[in-house]
Amino acid sequence: MVGLMMNYPLTVSAMLRRADTFFREKQIVSRRPDRSLQRLSYGELIAHAKQLALALDHLGVRPGDRVATLAWNHAQHLEAYFAVPTMGAVLHTLNPRLHPDDLSYIVGDAGDSVLLVDQSLLPLVAQIPSAACLRHVIVMQRTEGLPSNVLDYDELLASADLRRHEYYDSAEEDACSMCYTSGTTGRPKGVVYSHRALTLHSMASAMVDGLAIAEADTILPAVPMFHVNAWGLPYTATFVGANQVLTGPHLDPDSLLELLASERVTLTGGVPTVWLRVLETLDAEPDRYDLRSLRMILSGGSAAPPSMIRAFQERHALPVLQAWGMTETTPMGAVGHLLSSERAQPADVRYEHRAKQGLPMPFVEVRARNVDGLVPWDGEAVGELEVRGPWVARAYVGESDSDDRFTDDGWFRTGDVVAIAENGRIDLRDRMKDLVKSGGEWISSVALENALMGHPAVAEAAVFAVDHPTWDQRPLAAVVLRSGHRATEQELRDYLRPQFAKWSLPDAVIFVDQIPRTSAGKFQKSALRERFRDHYANAAGSHNEQRPGART
């Protein structure tokens, strides 16, 4: 027997029609390159999106064609978020922080036909060889005259007759948008999201045990719109009718805090490195910004230091919610809310829970596997996290074997090393590529750097593996001190000593002015490994002259 429900497709068009029907007066605020603010209603933005769809159709864009963007967070980028999928084409966000060679590979691999680009990023386009194959380049955020070989965004929209607009009748399984991984372990890989995946992801994000995003909220993505669709926040906010605040190219702490305060933002999301800098600014001037409207800081992309979560809460009354996800999971996979049974526990225990990655989102299933098979859910045994669900990738663009990232029974292998508690809470221990193997023992770089960032003098810390002549590898810590603070190598090692076995302590701590970042804003440990690869080359034994595997 078959159910007798309507076959109503879950599509971005349906999401946009809802916003167009119920939320036309809600606001989108964008910061321009000159720092001035642009204010649009949803009704105005949706009209622009329809005009853009008509203009792209006139330029020859057809269903299934890839339309790329190379842009910061602003209203015109958001218009493309909806114009492209609702005409049956595929939105492809490009990351301007990538090397031009990587961008050239990505544009060619995706088969992009049209590029929407901020004028400030036009010089980067000139460095992308494959961009010569694009049929059209359209310039947004225009600030001066344009070259003759590009099109003006505003002029294209002005030429479109809104009366001719019709939504394309997409199937929910059709491609909607695509993003590429950062390529830290090889060539970037393309992930293609379906309309169904994005719609279900938005619905789950809006749930109370997701991000609880509602019409009354004002959302500011501090994560770029070119990074996994800004974690889906623009789609979820539009779906429920929340106000949106977009930062433009200005992501420094003061610019973020100014918008959070002036626009009375209720929820914001970004990577821990962004929030560590914001925390330092707030600590220096705790009364400068009125953030009483802010109900949640979402942190994801890498593990948030427990000390950061505690500092925001106890020094500034700002709750930090940790979430886990990847490009391949659209990206939200788990959210770190406290369970009802955990809320009455002592503060130290609650912070310990909040520093973990939390429960899987509805419809996302998890398991972990090591060389001996699936690991038990006991909070202790560790293995590589595997996931499956309706917004989890099943393959990469153009890769038949998908680089062994998928199991024989169809689960995605994340590359994250985790323990899973009996209640299902995920505890990220490290990335497999960042584990330090020393004398036959595994050392978690994440645990060490999170502990280091609990020291009052430490602003940031990254721990990484360096080859060692005796022990195969040993951990090395790179530390950035907070402004006006001092600490010695021995002081930091002594600070770690009560928390870790002696053999797992870094043999050395180096002080640096800054830690290199990946294109997604995470610590770029590969650059640190290359820079300091010979640091232990002439070492004999270890710092403590003890076999790493001998526990003390």
Protein backbone atom coordinates (compact mmCIF):
# COMPACT_ATOMS: atom_id res chain seq x y z
CA MET A 1 0.00 0.00 0.00
CA VAL A 2 1.27 3.48 -0.89
CA GLY A 3 0.64 6.57 1.20
CA LEU A 4 -1.91 9.00 -0.17
CA MET A 5 -0.07 12.26 0.54
CA MET A 6 0.64 14.92 -2.09
CA ASN A 7 3.95 14.66 -3.90
CA TYR A 8 5.05 18.15 -2.87
CA PRO A 9 8.72 18.68 -3.81
CA LEU A 10 11.08 20.02 -1.15
CA THR A 11 12.86 22.76 -3.07
CA VAL A 12 14.50 26.14 -2.61
CA SER A 13 11.68 27.61 -4.72
CA ALA A 14 9.16 26.49 -2.10
CA MET A 15 11.28 28.10 0.62
CA LEU A 16 11.48 31.38 -1.30
CA ARG A 17 7.75 31.42 -2.07
CA ARG A 18 7.05 31.14 1.66
CA ALA A 19 9.29 34.14 2.42
CA ASP A 20 7.68 36.07 -0.44
CA THR A 21 4.21 35.35 0.93
CA PHE A 22 4.68 35.94 4.67
CA PHE A 23 7.89 37.88 5.36
CA ARG A 24 8.16 40.59 2.70
CA GLU A 25 8.76 43.37 5.25
CA LYS A 26 11.58 41.64 7.13
CA GLN A 27 15.05 43.12 6.68
CA ILE A 28 18.45 42.25 5.17
CA VAL A 29 21.26 44.58 6.24
CA SER A 30 24.57 44.46 4.32
CA ARG A 31 27.83 46.26 5.03
CA ARG A 32 29.35 47.62 1.81
CA PRO A 33 33.11 47.79 1.13
CA ASP A 34 33.09 51.48 2.22
CA ARG A 35 31.51 50.35 5.53
CA SER A 36 28.15 52.01 4.78
CA LEU A 37 25.03 49.88 5.32
CA GLN A 38 22.52 48.79 2.68
CA ARG A 39 19.03 47.91 3.91
CA LEU A 40 16.61 45.85 1.84
CA SER A 41 13.31 44.22 2.66
CA TYR A 42 12.74 40.58 1.80
CA GLY A 43 10.26 41.77 -0.80
CA GLU A 44 12.92 43.89 -2.50
CA LEU A 45 15.56 41.16 -2.30
CA ILE A 46 13.22 38.51 -3.72
CA ALA A 47 12.28 40.82 -6.60
CA HIS A 48 15.98 41.26 -7.35
CA ALA A 49 16.49 37.49 -7.22
CA LYS A 50 13.71 37.02 -9.77
CA GLN A 51 15.23 39.69 -12.01
CA LEU A 52 18.63 38.00 -11.76
CA ALA A 53 17.08 34.67 -12.77
CA LEU A 54 15.50 36.33 -15.82
CA ALA A 55 18.79 38.03 -16.73
CA LEU A 56 20.76 34.78 -16.46
CA ASP A 57 18.17 33.04 -18.62
CA HIS A 58 18.59 35.79 -21.24
CA LEU A 59 22.36 35.15 -21.14
CA GLY A 60 21.79 31.50 -21.99
CA VAL A 61 21.99 29.87 -18.57
CA ARG A 62 19.93 26.68 -18.64
CA PRO A 63 18.83 24.15 -15.98
CA GLY A 64 21.83 22.22 -14.71
CA ASP A 65 24.36 24.91 -15.72
CA ARG A 66 26.78 25.97 -13.01
CA VAL A 67 26.79 29.64 -12.00
CA ALA A 68 29.75 30.53 -9.80
CA THR A 69 30.07 33.32 -7.25
CA LEU A 70 33.27 34.91 -5.98
CA ALA A 71 31.99 37.27 -3.35
CA TRP A 72 31.79 38.30 0.30
CA ASN A 73 28.66 38.30 2.45
CA HIS A 74 26.16 40.84 1.08
CA ALA A 75 22.63 41.15 -0.28
CA GLN A 76 23.58 40.62 -3.94
CA HIS A 77 25.26 37.35 -3.02
CA LEU A 78 22.10 36.34 -1.17
CA GLU A 79 20.06 37.20 -4.26
CA ALA A 80 22.21 34.74 -6.23
CA TYR A 81 21.66 32.11 -3.50
CA PHE A 82 18.01 32.06 -4.54
CA ALA A 83 18.01 33.21 -8.17
CA VAL A 84 20.25 30.41 -9.43
CA PRO A 85 18.55 27.37 -7.81
CA THR A 86 15.03 28.64 -8.53
CA MET A 87 15.78 28.77 -12.28
CA GLY A 88 17.04 25.17 -12.23
CA ALA A 89 20.75 26.05 -12.39
CA VAL A 90 23.40 25.16 -9.80
CA LEU A 91 24.97 27.77 -7.52
CA HIS A 92 28.72 27.25 -7.05
CA THR A 93 30.36 29.40 -4.38
CA LEU A 94 34.11 29.95 -4.89
CA ASN A 95 36.46 30.69 -2.01
CA PRO A 96 38.59 33.81 -2.70
CA ARG A 97 41.07 32.71 -0.02
CA LEU A 98 42.21 29.73 -2.11
CA HIS A 99 45.31 29.83 -4.29
CA PRO A 100 44.54 30.81 -7.92
CA ASP A 101 45.78 27.39 -9.10
CA ASP A 102 43.20 25.68 -6.87
CA LEU A 103 40.49 28.06 -8.05
CA SER A 104 41.41 27.37 -11.67
CA TYR A 105 41.14 23.62 -11.07
CA ILE A 106 37.79 24.04 -9.28
CA VAL A 107 36.24 26.27 -11.97
CA GLY A 108 37.30 23.79 -14.66
CA ASP A 109 36.26 20.70 -12.71
CA ALA A 110 32.83 22.14 -11.93
CA GLY A 111 32.29 23.33 -15.51
CA ASP A 112 31.23 26.82 -14.46
CA SER A 113 29.68 28.86 -17.27
CA VAL A 114 29.00 32.23 -15.60
CA LEU A 115 30.75 34.04 -12.74
CA LEU A 116 29.23 36.63 -10.40
CA VAL A 117 32.10 38.50 -8.75
CA ASP A 118 32.65 41.45 -6.43
CA GLN A 119 34.57 44.24 -8.17
CA SER A 120 37.20 44.12 -5.41
CA LEU A 121 37.95 40.51 -6.41
CA LEU A 122 38.30 41.10 -10.17
CA PRO A 123 42.14 41.11 -9.92
CA LEU A 124 41.92 37.56 -8.55
CA VAL A 125 39.84 36.46 -11.56
CA ALA A 126 42.70 37.61 -13.83
CA GLN A 127 44.94 35.05 -12.08
CA ILE A 128 42.59 32.11 -12.75
CA PRO A 129 43.46 30.57 -16.15
CA SER A 130 40.24 28.58 -16.48
CA ALA A 131 38.21 31.78 -16.05
CA ALA A 132 38.97 32.50 -19.72
CA CYS A 133 36.47 29.73 -20.58
CA LEU A 134 33.58 31.42 -18.76
CA ARG A 135 30.83 32.67 -21.06
CA HIS A 136 30.09 35.72 -18.91
CA VAL A 137 31.54 37.58 -15.92
CA ILE A 138 29.07 39.74 -14.01
CA VAL A 139 30.35 42.31 -11.51
CA MET A 140 28.54 42.92 -8.21
CA GLN A 141 29.37 45.52 -5.55
CA ARG A 142 30.57 47.95 -8.20
CA THR A 143 32.64 50.85 -6.84
CA GLU A 144 34.16 52.32 -10.04
CA GLY A 145 34.22 51.94 -13.84
CA LEU A 146 34.21 48.43 -15.30
CA PRO A 147 36.38 46.76 -17.95
CA SER A 148 34.67 46.32 -21.31
CA ASN A 149 34.66 42.50 -21.13
CA VAL A 150 32.41 42.22 -18.05
CA LEU A 151 28.73 42.90 -17.34
CA ASP A 152 27.25 45.17 -14.68
CA TYR A 153 24.96 43.42 -12.18
CA ASP A 154 22.62 46.35 -11.60
CA GLU A 155 22.21 47.02 -15.32
CA LEU A 156 21.33 43.37 -15.94
CA LEU A 157 18.66 43.45 -13.24
CA ALA A 158 17.21 46.71 -14.58
CA SER A 159 16.78 45.10 -18.00
CA ALA A 160 14.67 42.21 -16.67
CA ASP A 161 10.86 42.38 -16.75
CA LEU A 162 9.51 40.92 -13.48
CA ARG A 163 6.18 40.14 -15.13
CA ARG A 164 7.91 37.37 -17.11
CA HIS A 165 9.25 35.52 -14.07
CA GLU A 166 8.27 31.91 -13.45
CA TYR A 167 9.85 29.45 -11.07
CA TYR A 168 11.51 26.46 -12.71
CA ASP A 169 9.80 23.19 -11.79
CA SER A 170 12.76 21.45 -10.11
CA ALA A 171 12.57 17.95 -8.71
CA GLU A 172 13.75 17.76 -5.12
CA GLU A 173 16.58 15.41 -6.14
CA ASP A 174 17.94 17.96 -8.64
CA ALA A 175 21.26 19.65 -7.96
CA CYS A 176 20.82 22.97 -6.20
CA SER A 177 24.27 24.19 -5.18
CA MET A 178 27.82 22.92 -4.89
CA CYS A 179 30.90 23.60 -2.79
CA TYR A 180 34.44 22.24 -2.90
CA THR A 181 36.46 21.02 0.05
CA SER A 182 39.53 23.05 0.99
CA GLY A 183 41.88 20.46 -0.52
CA THR A 184 44.16 20.18 2.52
CA THR A 185 44.84 16.49 1.78
CA GLY A 186 44.88 16.59 -2.01
CA ARG A 187 42.90 18.19 -4.81
CA PRO A 188 39.69 19.95 -3.71
CA LYS A 189 36.65 17.71 -4.06
CA GLY A 190 33.24 18.86 -5.27
CA VAL A 191 30.12 18.22 -3.19
CA VAL A 192 26.73 18.73 -4.87
CA TYR A 193 23.71 19.51 -2.70
CA SER A 194 20.18 18.66 -3.78
CA HIS A 195 17.11 20.81 -3.19
CA ARG A 196 15.85 18.13 -0.81
CA ALA A 197 19.07 18.15 1.21
CA LEU A 198 19.09 21.92 1.64
CA THR A 199 15.41 22.04 2.55
CA LEU A 200 15.64 19.28 5.15
CA HIS A 201 18.86 20.79 6.51
CA SER A 202 17.08 24.14 6.94
CA MET A 203 14.12 22.52 8.68
CA ALA A 204 16.38 20.64 11.09
CA SER A 205 18.44 23.77 11.79
CA ALA A 206 15.26 25.63 12.71
CA MET A 207 14.22 22.96 15.24
CA VAL A 208 14.53 23.81 18.93
CA ASP A 209 17.21 21.15 19.40
CA GLY A 210 18.92 22.39 16.23
CA LEU A 211 19.62 26.13 16.25
CA ALA A 212 16.05 27.16 17.18
CA ILE A 213 15.98 29.80 14.44
CA ALA A 214 12.64 31.58 14.26
CA GLU A 215 10.97 34.58 12.61
CA ALA A 216 11.80 36.75 15.63
CA ASP A 217 15.55 36.20 15.22
CA THR A 218 18.19 38.38 13.59
CA ILE A 219 20.97 36.23 12.14
CA LEU A 220 24.54 37.31 11.39
CA PRO A 221 26.71 34.67 9.70
CA ALA A 222 30.32 35.41 10.66
CA VAL A 223 31.16 32.43 8.46
CA PRO A 224 31.60 33.44 4.81
CA MET A 225 28.84 32.70 2.31
CA PHE A 226 31.46 30.93 0.18
CA HIS A 227 32.10 28.41 2.97
CA VAL A 228 29.49 25.61 2.83
CA ASN A 229 26.67 28.08 2.13
CA ALA A 230 27.49 29.99 5.34
CA TRP A 231 26.54 26.79 7.19
CA GLY A 232 23.07 27.03 5.65
CA LEU A 233 22.18 30.05 7.83
CA PRO A 234 20.97 32.25 4.92
CA TYR A 235 18.63 29.50 3.70
CA THR A 236 17.26 28.73 7.17
CA ALA A 237 16.81 32.43 7.99
CA THR A 238 14.94 33.06 4.74
CA PHE A 239 12.79 29.96 5.22
CA VAL A 240 11.54 31.15 8.64
CA GLY A 241 11.61 34.89 7.89
CA ALA A 242 14.38 35.96 10.28
CA ASN A 243 16.20 39.25 9.70
CA GLN A 244 19.69 38.85 8.27
CA VAL A 245 22.84 40.91 8.79
CA LEU A 246 25.68 40.43 6.30
CA THR A 247 29.20 41.61 7.06
CA GLY A 248 30.65 42.34 3.62
CA PRO A 249 34.45 41.94 3.61
CA HIS A 250 34.78 43.30 7.17
CA LEU A 251 35.32 40.39 9.58
CA ASP A 252 37.64 42.02 12.14
CA PRO A 253 36.40 41.84 15.77
CA ASP A 254 35.37 45.48 16.04
CA SER A 255 33.37 45.36 12.79
CA LEU A 256 31.59 42.20 13.92
CA LEU A 257 30.86 43.56 17.38
CA GLU A 258 29.55 46.85 15.97
CA LEU A 259 26.99 45.00 13.83
CA LEU A 260 26.07 42.53 16.58
CA ALA A 261 25.28 45.46 18.86
CA SER A 262 23.73 48.00 16.46
CA GLU A 263 21.48 45.49 14.66
CA ARG A 264 20.51 43.66 17.87
CA VAL A 265 21.61 40.30 16.47
CA THR A 266 20.23 37.27 18.31
CA LEU A 267 22.31 34.47 16.74
CA THR A 268 25.71 34.48 15.04
CA GLY A 269 27.98 31.70 13.84
CA GLY A 270 31.66 31.35 12.95
CA VAL A 271 34.87 29.38 13.50
CA PRO A 272 36.68 29.39 16.89
CA THR A 273 39.55 31.51 15.60
CA VAL A 274 37.07 34.34 14.93
CA TRP A 275 35.55 34.05 18.40
CA LEU A 276 38.94 33.93 20.13
CA ARG A 277 39.76 37.34 18.61
CA VAL A 278 36.30 38.67 19.52
CA LEU A 279 36.78 37.42 23.09
CA GLU A 280 40.09 39.24 23.39
CA THR A 281 38.42 42.46 22.21
CA LEU A 282 35.55 42.07 24.67
CA ASP A 283 37.94 41.35 27.51
CA ALA A 284 39.86 44.54 26.73
CA GLU A 285 36.68 46.68 26.57
CA PRO A 286 33.89 44.73 28.29
CA ASP A 287 31.43 47.65 28.43
CA ARG A 288 31.88 49.01 24.92
CA TYR A 289 29.28 46.85 23.13
CA ASP A 290 25.71 46.13 24.20
CA LEU A 291 25.19 42.46 23.30
CA ARG A 292 22.18 41.75 25.48
CA SER A 293 20.15 40.70 22.42
CA LEU A 294 22.62 37.97 21.49
CA ARG A 295 21.20 34.65 22.66
CA MET A 296 23.71 32.34 21.00
CA ILE A 297 27.20 32.23 19.51
CA LEU A 298 27.47 29.20 17.24
CA SER A 299 31.02 27.83 16.96
CA GLY A 300 32.02 25.19 14.42
CA GLY A 301 34.61 24.17 11.86
CA SER A 302 37.01 22.91 14.53
CA ALA A 303 36.81 22.07 18.22
CA ALA A 304 36.13 25.09 20.44
CA PRO A 305 38.45 25.35 23.46
CA PRO A 306 36.49 24.75 26.69
CA SER A 307 38.23 27.80 28.14
CA MET A 308 36.71 29.96 25.39
CA ILE A 309 33.19 28.63 26.02
CA ARG A 310 33.57 29.30 29.74
CA ALA A 311 35.07 32.76 29.25
CA PHE A 312 32.23 33.96 27.02
CA GLN A 313 29.66 32.65 29.48
CA GLU A 314 31.19 33.75 32.77
CA ARG A 315 32.83 37.03 31.75
CA HIS A 316 30.26 38.27 29.21
CA ALA A 317 27.06 36.22 29.81
CA LEU A 318 27.19 34.96 26.21
CA PRO A 319 26.38 31.28 25.58
CA VAL A 320 28.50 29.43 23.01
CA LEU A 321 26.94 26.45 21.26
CA GLN A 322 29.36 24.07 19.61
CA ALA A 323 28.35 22.23 16.45
CA TRP A 324 30.07 19.72 14.20
CA GLY A 325 29.87 19.35 10.46
CA MET A 326 31.73 19.23 7.15
CA THR A 327 31.33 20.31 3.55
CA GLU A 328 30.07 16.78 2.93
CA THR A 329 27.31 17.16 5.55
CA THR A 330 25.77 20.39 4.17
CA PRO A 331 27.32 21.08 6.88
CA MET A 332 25.42 20.61 10.17
CA GLY A 333 25.86 17.10 11.54
CA ALA A 334 25.69 17.45 15.33
CA VAL A 335 24.83 20.14 17.88
CA GLY A 336 26.17 20.42 21.42
CA HIS A 337 23.06 21.31 23.45
CA LEU A 338 22.95 20.11 27.03
CA LEU A 339 20.45 17.32 27.62
CA SER A 340 17.86 17.83 30.35
CA SER A 341 19.64 15.24 32.51
CA GLU A 342 22.89 17.25 32.25
CA ARG A 343 21.59 20.72 33.14
CA ALA A 344 21.53 20.09 36.90
CA GLN A 345 25.11 18.82 36.98
CA PRO A 346 27.96 20.91 38.46
CA ALA A 347 29.29 23.76 36.30
CA ASP A 348 32.58 22.02 35.50
CA VAL A 349 30.71 18.97 34.20
CA ARG A 350 28.31 21.12 32.16
CA TYR A 351 31.21 22.94 30.49
CA GLU A 352 32.83 19.59 29.75
CA HIS A 353 29.66 18.49 27.95
CA ARG A 354 29.31 21.81 26.08
CA ALA A 355 32.87 21.49 24.77
CA LYS A 356 31.92 18.27 22.99
CA GLN A 357 30.24 18.09 19.60
CA GLY A 358 26.88 16.95 20.92
CA LEU A 359 24.09 14.79 19.56
CA PRO A 360 23.60 14.05 15.87
CA MET A 361 20.97 16.16 14.14
CA PRO A 362 17.63 14.44 13.40
CA PHE A 363 18.01 11.95 10.51
CA VAL A 364 21.83 11.93 10.86
CA GLU A 365 23.14 8.56 12.02
CA VAL A 366 26.64 8.03 13.42
CA ARG A 367 29.05 5.27 14.29
CA ALA A 368 32.80 5.01 14.84
CA ARG A 369 35.24 2.38 13.62
CA ASN A 370 38.86 1.47 14.33
CA VAL A 371 41.09 -1.36 13.11
CA ASP A 372 39.15 -3.82 15.28
CA GLY A 373 35.74 -2.82 13.92
CA LEU A 374 32.89 -0.66 15.23
CA VAL A 375 33.68 0.82 18.63
CA PRO A 376 31.27 0.71 21.59
CA TRP A 377 29.42 3.81 22.71
CA ASP A 378 31.13 4.10 26.08
CA GLY A 379 32.73 7.54 25.87
CA GLU A 380 36.20 6.00 25.95
CA ALA A 381 36.82 3.85 22.87
CA VAL A 382 37.88 5.91 19.87
CA GLY A 383 37.56 5.42 16.14
CA GLU A 384 36.94 7.27 12.90
CA LEU A 385 33.49 8.84 12.78
CA GLU A 386 31.21 7.56 10.02
CA VAL A 387 27.88 9.24 9.20
CA ARG A 388 24.89 8.90 6.91
CA GLY A 389 21.73 10.91 6.38
CA PRO A 390 19.59 12.81 3.85
CA TRP A 391 22.05 15.74 3.66
CA VAL A 392 25.26 13.68 3.69
CA ALA A 393 27.16 13.33 0.41
CA ARG A 394 27.22 9.90 -1.26
CA ALA A 395 29.97 10.75 -3.78
CA TYR A 396 32.17 13.57 -5.05
CA VAL A 397 31.98 15.29 -8.42
CA GLY A 398 33.62 13.17 -11.11
CA GLU A 399 35.18 10.64 -8.74
CA SER A 400 33.97 7.09 -9.20
CA ASP A 401 35.94 5.68 -6.25
CA SER A 402 35.53 8.86 -4.14
CA ASP A 403 39.02 8.42 -2.72
CA ASP A 404 37.93 5.63 -0.33
CA ARG A 405 35.87 8.10 1.70
CA PHE A 406 32.76 5.91 1.61
CA THR A 407 32.26 2.50 3.19
CA ASP A 408 30.98 -0.51 1.29
CA ASP A 409 27.57 -0.08 2.93
CA GLY A 410 27.33 3.61 2.02
CA TRP A 411 28.46 5.55 5.11
CA PHE A 412 30.72 8.60 4.77
CA ARG A 413 34.13 8.35 6.45
CA THR A 414 34.75 11.75 8.02
CA GLY A 415 38.43 11.51 8.97
CA ASP A 416 37.54 12.69 12.50
CA VAL A 417 38.62 10.59 15.48
CA VAL A 418 35.88 10.51 18.11
CA ALA A 419 34.53 8.77 21.15
CA ILE A 420 30.76 8.38 21.41
CA ALA A 421 29.09 8.37 24.82
CA GLU A 422 26.34 5.95 25.78
CA ASN A 423 23.74 8.69 25.22
CA GLY A 424 25.13 9.38 21.71
CA ARG A 425 27.10 12.56 22.50
CA ILE A 426 30.06 12.88 20.12
CA ASP A 427 33.45 13.86 21.53
CA LEU A 428 35.92 14.90 18.82
CA ARG A 429 39.43 13.85 19.83
CA ASP A 430 41.32 14.88 16.68
CA ARG A 431 41.53 14.75 12.92
CA MET A 432 43.20 11.53 11.80
CA LYS A 433 45.78 13.54 9.86
CA ASP A 434 46.59 15.64 12.97
CA LEU A 435 47.14 12.82 15.49
CA VAL A 436 50.72 12.52 16.73
CA LYS A 437 52.10 8.98 16.73
CA SER A 438 54.97 8.85 19.20
CA GLY A 439 56.74 5.64 20.19
CA GLY A 440 53.71 3.58 19.22
CA GLU A 441 51.26 5.77 21.18
CA TRP A 442 48.70 8.21 19.78
CA ILE A 443 48.63 11.77 21.17
CA SER A 444 45.66 14.11 20.59
CA SER A 445 46.74 17.51 19.29
CA VAL A 446 43.26 18.93 20.00
CA ALA A 447 43.38 18.01 23.70
CA LEU A 448 46.78 19.65 24.12
CA GLU A 449 45.91 22.87 22.31
CA ASN A 450 42.56 23.22 24.08
CA ALA A 451 44.37 22.86 27.41
CA LEU A 452 47.01 25.40 26.41
CA MET A 453 44.31 27.91 25.46
CA GLY A 454 43.03 27.62 29.03
CA HIS A 455 46.19 29.41 30.26
CA PRO A 456 45.41 33.09 30.95
CA ALA A 457 48.39 34.29 28.88
CA VAL A 458 47.58 32.24 25.76
CA ALA A 459 45.43 33.65 22.96
CA GLU A 460 45.86 30.79 20.48
CA ALA A 461 47.70 27.47 20.38
CA ALA A 462 48.22 24.85 17.70
CA VAL A 463 49.87 21.50 18.38
CA PHE A 464 51.24 19.44 15.51
CA ALA A 465 53.44 16.44 14.78
CA VAL A 466 57.12 16.84 13.93
CA ASP A 467 59.41 13.97 12.90
CA HIS A 468 61.72 12.75 15.66
CA PRO A 469 64.83 10.54 15.22
CA THR A 470 63.95 8.33 18.22
CA TRP A 471 60.18 8.39 18.69
CA ASP A 472 58.94 8.66 15.07
CA GLN A 473 56.98 11.84 15.90
CA ARG A 474 56.73 14.23 18.84
CA PRO A 475 54.22 17.04 19.48
CA LEU A 476 55.36 20.63 19.04
CA ALA A 477 53.22 23.55 20.26
CA ALA A 478 53.00 26.95 18.54
CA VAL A 479 51.58 29.61 20.85
CA VAL A 480 50.37 33.18 20.37
CA LEU A 481 50.35 35.14 23.64
CA ARG A 482 47.59 37.57 24.55
CA SER A 483 48.44 41.23 24.25
CA GLY A 484 50.24 42.45 27.37
CA HIS A 485 50.82 38.94 28.77
CA ARG A 486 54.00 36.93 29.22
CA ALA A 487 54.72 33.23 29.65
CA THR A 488 57.74 30.96 29.31
CA GLU A 489 58.02 27.58 27.64
CA GLN A 490 58.58 25.87 30.97
CA GLU A 491 55.62 27.64 32.54
CA LEU A 492 53.30 26.34 29.82
CA ARG A 493 54.68 22.82 30.04
CA ASP A 494 54.22 22.92 33.82
CA TYR A 495 50.65 24.13 33.28
CA LEU A 496 49.94 21.06 31.10
CA ARG A 497 51.67 18.56 33.37
CA PRO A 498 48.80 17.84 35.82
CA GLN A 499 46.41 17.21 32.94
CA PHE A 500 48.40 14.80 30.75
CA ALA A 501 50.70 11.82 30.94
CA LYS A 502 54.32 12.94 30.91
CA TRP A 503 55.08 11.25 27.59
CA SER A 504 52.31 13.14 25.78
CA LEU A 505 53.56 16.65 26.66
CA PRO A 506 55.04 18.72 23.80
CA ASP A 507 58.83 18.51 23.82
CA ALA A 508 58.93 22.22 22.99
CA VAL A 509 56.78 25.33 22.87
CA ILE A 510 57.53 27.98 20.26
CA PHE A 511 56.12 31.50 20.42
CA VAL A 512 54.83 33.01 17.17
CA ASP A 513 53.12 36.25 16.21
CA GLN A 514 50.30 34.45 14.44
CA ILE A 515 49.19 30.96 13.47
CA PRO A 516 48.54 30.44 9.76
CA ARG A 517 44.92 29.85 8.75
CA THR A 518 43.32 27.67 6.11
CA SER A 519 40.88 29.18 3.61
CA ALA A 520 38.11 28.23 6.06
CA GLY A 521 39.75 30.09 8.96
CA LYS A 522 41.03 26.99 10.77
CA PHE A 523 44.60 26.53 12.00
CA GLN A 524 46.75 25.44 9.06
CA LYS A 525 48.87 22.80 10.75
CA SER A 526 50.36 21.63 7.45
CA ALA A 527 52.11 25.02 7.13
CA LEU A 528 53.43 24.72 10.68
CA ARG A 529 54.67 21.17 10.05
CA GLU A 530 56.54 22.34 6.97
CA ARG A 531 57.99 25.39 8.69
CA PHE A 532 59.25 23.48 11.73
CA ARG A 533 59.83 20.04 10.20
CA ASP A 534 63.50 19.95 11.31
CA HIS A 535 62.87 21.21 14.84
CA TYR A 536 63.61 17.82 16.44
CA ALA A 537 66.06 16.61 13.76
CA ASN A 538 69.03 16.44 16.10
CA ALA A 539 67.14 15.52 19.26
CA ALA A 540 68.18 12.48 21.30
CA GLY A 541 65.42 10.83 23.26
CA SER A 542 62.50 13.02 24.26
CA HIS A 543 62.15 16.10 26.36
CA ASN A 544 61.59 13.96 29.42
CA GLU A 545 64.04 11.21 28.37
CA GLN A 546 61.32 8.64 28.84
CA ARG A 547 59.67 6.15 26.53
CA PRO A 548 56.49 7.90 25.29
CA GLY A 549 54.40 4.82 25.90
CA ALA A 550 55.42 4.49 29.55
CA ARG A 551 52.61 6.00 31.61
CA THR A 552 53.36 7.91 34.78
